[in-house]
Amino acid sequence: MGNNTDYDVYYLVGQNIKKQRKLKKMTQLQLAEKSFFSYEFIRKIESKSSCRNTFSLSTVDKIAKTLDIDIRILFNPLDE
């Protein structure tokens, strides 16, 4: 698997987390507190530049549960 594919998956999931968080009208800080991750970690996941290889599937699952959404939503194509 090449780096571009790896990067795209992390970017995709990070941007979908950001989108879903905003739809739930939550701040990064609120998501961090409810999911028991640090604000800096959530900010990094959602960042377009530094999200590569920063989180695991268990992290994605925990964030999806915190947002009360199906984890599969976080792998949907972006509407850019």
N, C-alpha and C. Protein backbone atom coordinates (compact mmCIF):
# COMPACT_ATOMS: atom_id res chain seq x y z
N MET A 1 0.85 -1.18 0.00
CA MET A 1 0.00 0.00 0.00
C MET A 1 0.89 1.24 0.00
N GLY A 2 0.65 2.16 -0.90
CA GLY A 2 1.49 3.35 -1.01
C GLY A 2 1.11 4.45 -0.03
N ASN A 3 2.02 5.38 0.11
CA ASN A 3 1.79 6.49 1.03
C ASN A 3 0.58 7.34 0.67
N ASN A 4 0.32 7.54 -0.62
CA ASN A 4 -0.82 8.34 -1.02
C ASN A 4 -2.13 7.73 -0.53
N THR A 5 -2.26 6.42 -0.64
CA THR A 5 -3.46 5.74 -0.16
C THR A 5 -3.59 5.88 1.34
N ASP A 6 -2.50 5.66 2.06
CA ASP A 6 -2.52 5.81 3.51
C ASP A 6 -2.95 7.23 3.89
N TYR A 7 -2.33 8.20 3.27
CA TYR A 7 -2.64 9.59 3.58
C TYR A 7 -4.10 9.89 3.28
N ASP A 8 -4.60 9.41 2.14
CA ASP A 8 -5.98 9.69 1.75
C ASP A 8 -6.98 9.14 2.76
N VAL A 9 -6.73 7.97 3.29
CA VAL A 9 -7.64 7.39 4.27
C VAL A 9 -7.65 8.21 5.56
N TYR A 10 -6.50 8.59 6.05
CA TYR A 10 -6.44 9.41 7.26
C TYR A 10 -7.09 10.78 7.03
N TYR A 11 -6.80 11.36 5.89
CA TYR A 11 -7.39 12.65 5.55
C TYR A 11 -8.91 12.53 5.45
N LEU A 12 -9.38 11.50 4.75
CA LEU A 12 -10.81 11.27 4.58
C LEU A 12 -11.52 11.13 5.93
N VAL A 13 -11.00 10.28 6.78
CA VAL A 13 -11.62 10.05 8.08
C VAL A 13 -11.57 11.33 8.93
N GLY A 14 -10.44 11.99 8.94
CA GLY A 14 -10.30 13.23 9.71
C GLY A 14 -11.29 14.30 9.29
N GLN A 15 -11.46 14.46 7.98
CA GLN A 15 -12.40 15.47 7.48
C GLN A 15 -13.85 15.07 7.75
N ASN A 16 -14.13 13.76 7.72
CA ASN A 16 -15.49 13.30 8.05
C ASN A 16 -15.78 13.46 9.53
N ILE A 17 -14.78 13.26 10.38
CA ILE A 17 -14.96 13.51 11.81
C ILE A 17 -15.31 14.98 12.02
N LYS A 18 -14.56 15.85 11.37
CA LYS A 18 -14.81 17.29 11.48
C LYS A 18 -16.23 17.64 11.03
N LYS A 19 -16.64 17.08 9.89
CA LYS A 19 -17.98 17.34 9.35
C LYS A 19 -19.06 16.87 10.32
N GLN A 20 -18.92 15.65 10.81
CA GLN A 20 -19.93 15.10 11.71
C GLN A 20 -19.97 15.85 13.05
N ARG A 21 -18.81 16.25 13.52
CA ARG A 21 -18.75 17.03 14.78
C ARG A 21 -19.50 18.34 14.61
N LYS A 22 -19.29 19.01 13.47
CA LYS A 22 -19.97 20.28 13.22
C LYS A 22 -21.48 20.08 13.05
N LEU A 23 -21.88 18.98 12.42
CA LEU A 23 -23.31 18.69 12.29
C LEU A 23 -23.96 18.49 13.65
N LYS A 24 -23.19 17.97 14.60
CA LYS A 24 -23.69 17.77 15.98
C LYS A 24 -23.53 19.04 16.81
N LYS A 25 -23.04 20.12 16.17
CA LYS A 25 -22.81 21.41 16.84
C LYS A 25 -21.91 21.28 18.07
N MET A 26 -20.86 20.49 17.88
CA MET A 26 -19.86 20.29 18.94
C MET A 26 -18.57 21.00 18.56
N THR A 27 -17.87 21.50 19.56
CA THR A 27 -16.54 22.05 19.34
C THR A 27 -15.52 20.91 19.44
N GLN A 28 -14.31 21.18 19.01
CA GLN A 28 -13.25 20.19 19.17
C GLN A 28 -13.05 19.88 20.64
N LEU A 29 -13.13 20.88 21.47
CA LEU A 29 -12.94 20.69 22.91
C LEU A 29 -14.04 19.80 23.48
N GLN A 30 -15.28 20.02 23.08
CA GLN A 30 -16.38 19.18 23.56
C GLN A 30 -16.21 17.73 23.13
N LEU A 31 -15.81 17.52 21.87
CA LEU A 31 -15.58 16.16 21.39
C LEU A 31 -14.45 15.52 22.17
N ALA A 32 -13.40 16.27 22.41
CA ALA A 32 -12.25 15.76 23.16
C ALA A 32 -12.68 15.33 24.56
N GLU A 33 -13.43 16.18 25.24
CA GLU A 33 -13.85 15.87 26.61
C GLU A 33 -14.77 14.65 26.66
N LYS A 34 -15.70 14.57 25.72
CA LYS A 34 -16.66 13.45 25.72
C LYS A 34 -16.02 12.13 25.30
N SER A 35 -14.99 12.19 24.48
CA SER A 35 -14.34 10.96 24.01
C SER A 35 -13.10 10.61 24.83
N PHE A 36 -12.75 11.48 25.78
CA PHE A 36 -11.58 11.30 26.66
C PHE A 36 -10.25 11.31 25.90
N PHE A 37 -10.23 12.08 24.81
CA PHE A 37 -8.99 12.36 24.10
C PHE A 37 -8.62 13.81 24.39
N SER A 38 -7.38 14.17 24.15
CA SER A 38 -6.99 15.56 24.37
C SER A 38 -7.48 16.44 23.22
N TYR A 39 -7.67 17.70 23.53
CA TYR A 39 -8.06 18.67 22.51
C TYR A 39 -7.03 18.68 21.38
N GLU A 40 -5.75 18.62 21.73
CA GLU A 40 -4.68 18.65 20.74
C GLU A 40 -4.76 17.44 19.80
N PHE A 41 -5.14 16.29 20.35
CA PHE A 41 -5.27 15.08 19.54
C PHE A 41 -6.43 15.22 18.54
N ILE A 42 -7.57 15.70 19.00
CA ILE A 42 -8.72 15.91 18.10
C ILE A 42 -8.36 16.93 17.03
N ARG A 43 -7.70 18.00 17.42
CA ARG A 43 -7.29 19.04 16.47
C ARG A 43 -6.36 18.43 15.41
N LYS A 44 -5.46 17.57 15.85
CA LYS A 44 -4.50 16.94 14.93
C LYS A 44 -5.22 16.00 13.96
N ILE A 45 -6.17 15.23 14.45
CA ILE A 45 -6.93 14.32 13.59
C ILE A 45 -7.66 15.10 12.49
N GLU A 46 -8.23 16.24 12.85
CA GLU A 46 -9.01 17.03 11.89
C GLU A 46 -8.14 17.91 11.00
N SER A 47 -6.86 18.02 11.31
CA SER A 47 -5.97 18.88 10.54
C SER A 47 -5.70 18.29 9.17
N LYS A 48 -5.69 19.16 8.16
CA LYS A 48 -5.41 18.69 6.80
C LYS A 48 -3.94 18.36 6.61
N SER A 49 -3.08 18.95 7.42
CA SER A 49 -1.64 18.77 7.20
C SER A 49 -0.98 17.73 8.09
N SER A 50 -1.51 17.51 9.29
CA SER A 50 -0.78 16.63 10.22
C SER A 50 -1.57 15.41 10.66
N CYS A 51 -2.57 14.99 9.89
CA CYS A 51 -3.40 13.88 10.33
C CYS A 51 -2.81 12.51 9.98
N ARG A 52 -1.76 12.46 9.19
CA ARG A 52 -1.24 11.18 8.72
C ARG A 52 -0.72 10.30 9.85
N ASN A 53 -1.24 9.09 9.90
CA ASN A 53 -0.80 8.07 10.87
C ASN A 53 -0.88 8.53 12.33
N THR A 54 -1.95 9.22 12.68
CA THR A 54 -2.05 9.69 14.05
C THR A 54 -3.11 8.97 14.87
N PHE A 55 -3.88 8.07 14.23
CA PHE A 55 -4.95 7.43 14.99
C PHE A 55 -5.24 6.03 14.45
N SER A 56 -5.83 5.22 15.31
CA SER A 56 -6.12 3.82 14.98
C SER A 56 -7.62 3.63 14.71
N LEU A 57 -7.99 2.45 14.27
CA LEU A 57 -9.41 2.15 14.07
C LEU A 57 -10.17 2.17 15.38
N SER A 58 -9.54 1.78 16.47
CA SER A 58 -10.24 1.84 17.75
C SER A 58 -10.52 3.29 18.15
N THR A 59 -9.62 4.20 17.78
CA THR A 59 -9.85 5.63 18.02
C THR A 59 -11.03 6.10 17.19
N VAL A 60 -11.07 5.72 15.92
CA VAL A 60 -12.17 6.11 15.04
C VAL A 60 -13.49 5.58 15.59
N ASP A 61 -13.48 4.34 16.05
CA ASP A 61 -14.68 3.73 16.63
C ASP A 61 -15.15 4.51 17.86
N LYS A 62 -14.23 4.87 18.71
CA LYS A 62 -14.57 5.61 19.93
C LYS A 62 -15.15 6.98 19.59
N ILE A 63 -14.58 7.65 18.59
CA ILE A 63 -15.09 8.96 18.18
C ILE A 63 -16.47 8.81 17.55
N ALA A 64 -16.66 7.78 16.73
CA ALA A 64 -17.98 7.54 16.11
C ALA A 64 -19.03 7.32 17.19
N LYS A 65 -18.70 6.54 18.20
CA LYS A 65 -19.65 6.30 19.30
C LYS A 65 -19.93 7.58 20.06
N THR A 66 -18.91 8.40 20.26
CA THR A 66 -19.10 9.67 20.95
C THR A 66 -20.03 10.58 20.15
N LEU A 67 -19.87 10.56 18.83
CA LEU A 67 -20.72 11.37 17.95
C LEU A 67 -22.09 10.72 17.71
N ASP A 68 -22.26 9.49 18.19
CA ASP A 68 -23.49 8.74 18.03
C ASP A 68 -23.82 8.52 16.55
N ILE A 69 -22.81 8.07 15.81
CA ILE A 69 -22.98 7.77 14.38
C ILE A 69 -22.39 6.40 14.08
N ASP A 70 -22.79 5.84 12.95
CA ASP A 70 -22.23 4.58 12.47
C ASP A 70 -20.81 4.87 11.98
N ILE A 71 -19.86 4.05 12.37
CA ILE A 71 -18.45 4.27 11.99
C ILE A 71 -18.28 4.35 10.48
N ARG A 72 -19.12 3.65 9.73
CA ARG A 72 -18.99 3.65 8.26
C ARG A 72 -19.15 5.04 7.66
N ILE A 73 -19.90 5.91 8.33
CA ILE A 73 -20.09 7.29 7.84
C ILE A 73 -18.74 8.00 7.72
N LEU A 74 -17.81 7.66 8.59
CA LEU A 74 -16.52 8.33 8.61
C LEU A 74 -15.62 7.92 7.44
N PHE A 75 -16.06 6.93 6.68
CA PHE A 75 -15.30 6.48 5.51
C PHE A 75 -15.99 6.86 4.19
N ASN A 76 -17.07 7.66 4.29
CA ASN A 76 -17.78 8.12 3.10
C ASN A 76 -16.91 9.08 2.29
N PRO A 77 -17.07 9.10 0.97
CA PRO A 77 -16.34 10.07 0.15
C PRO A 77 -16.70 11.50 0.58
N LEU A 78 -15.73 12.40 0.44
CA LEU A 78 -15.95 13.80 0.81
C LEU A 78 -16.76 14.52 -0.26
N ASP A 79 -17.53 15.51 0.16
CA ASP A 79 -18.36 16.30 -0.77
C ASP A 79 -17.63 17.56 -1.23
N GLU A 80 -16.34 17.46 -1.51
CA GLU A 80 -15.57 18.66 -1.83
C GLU A 80 -15.76 19.12 -3.24
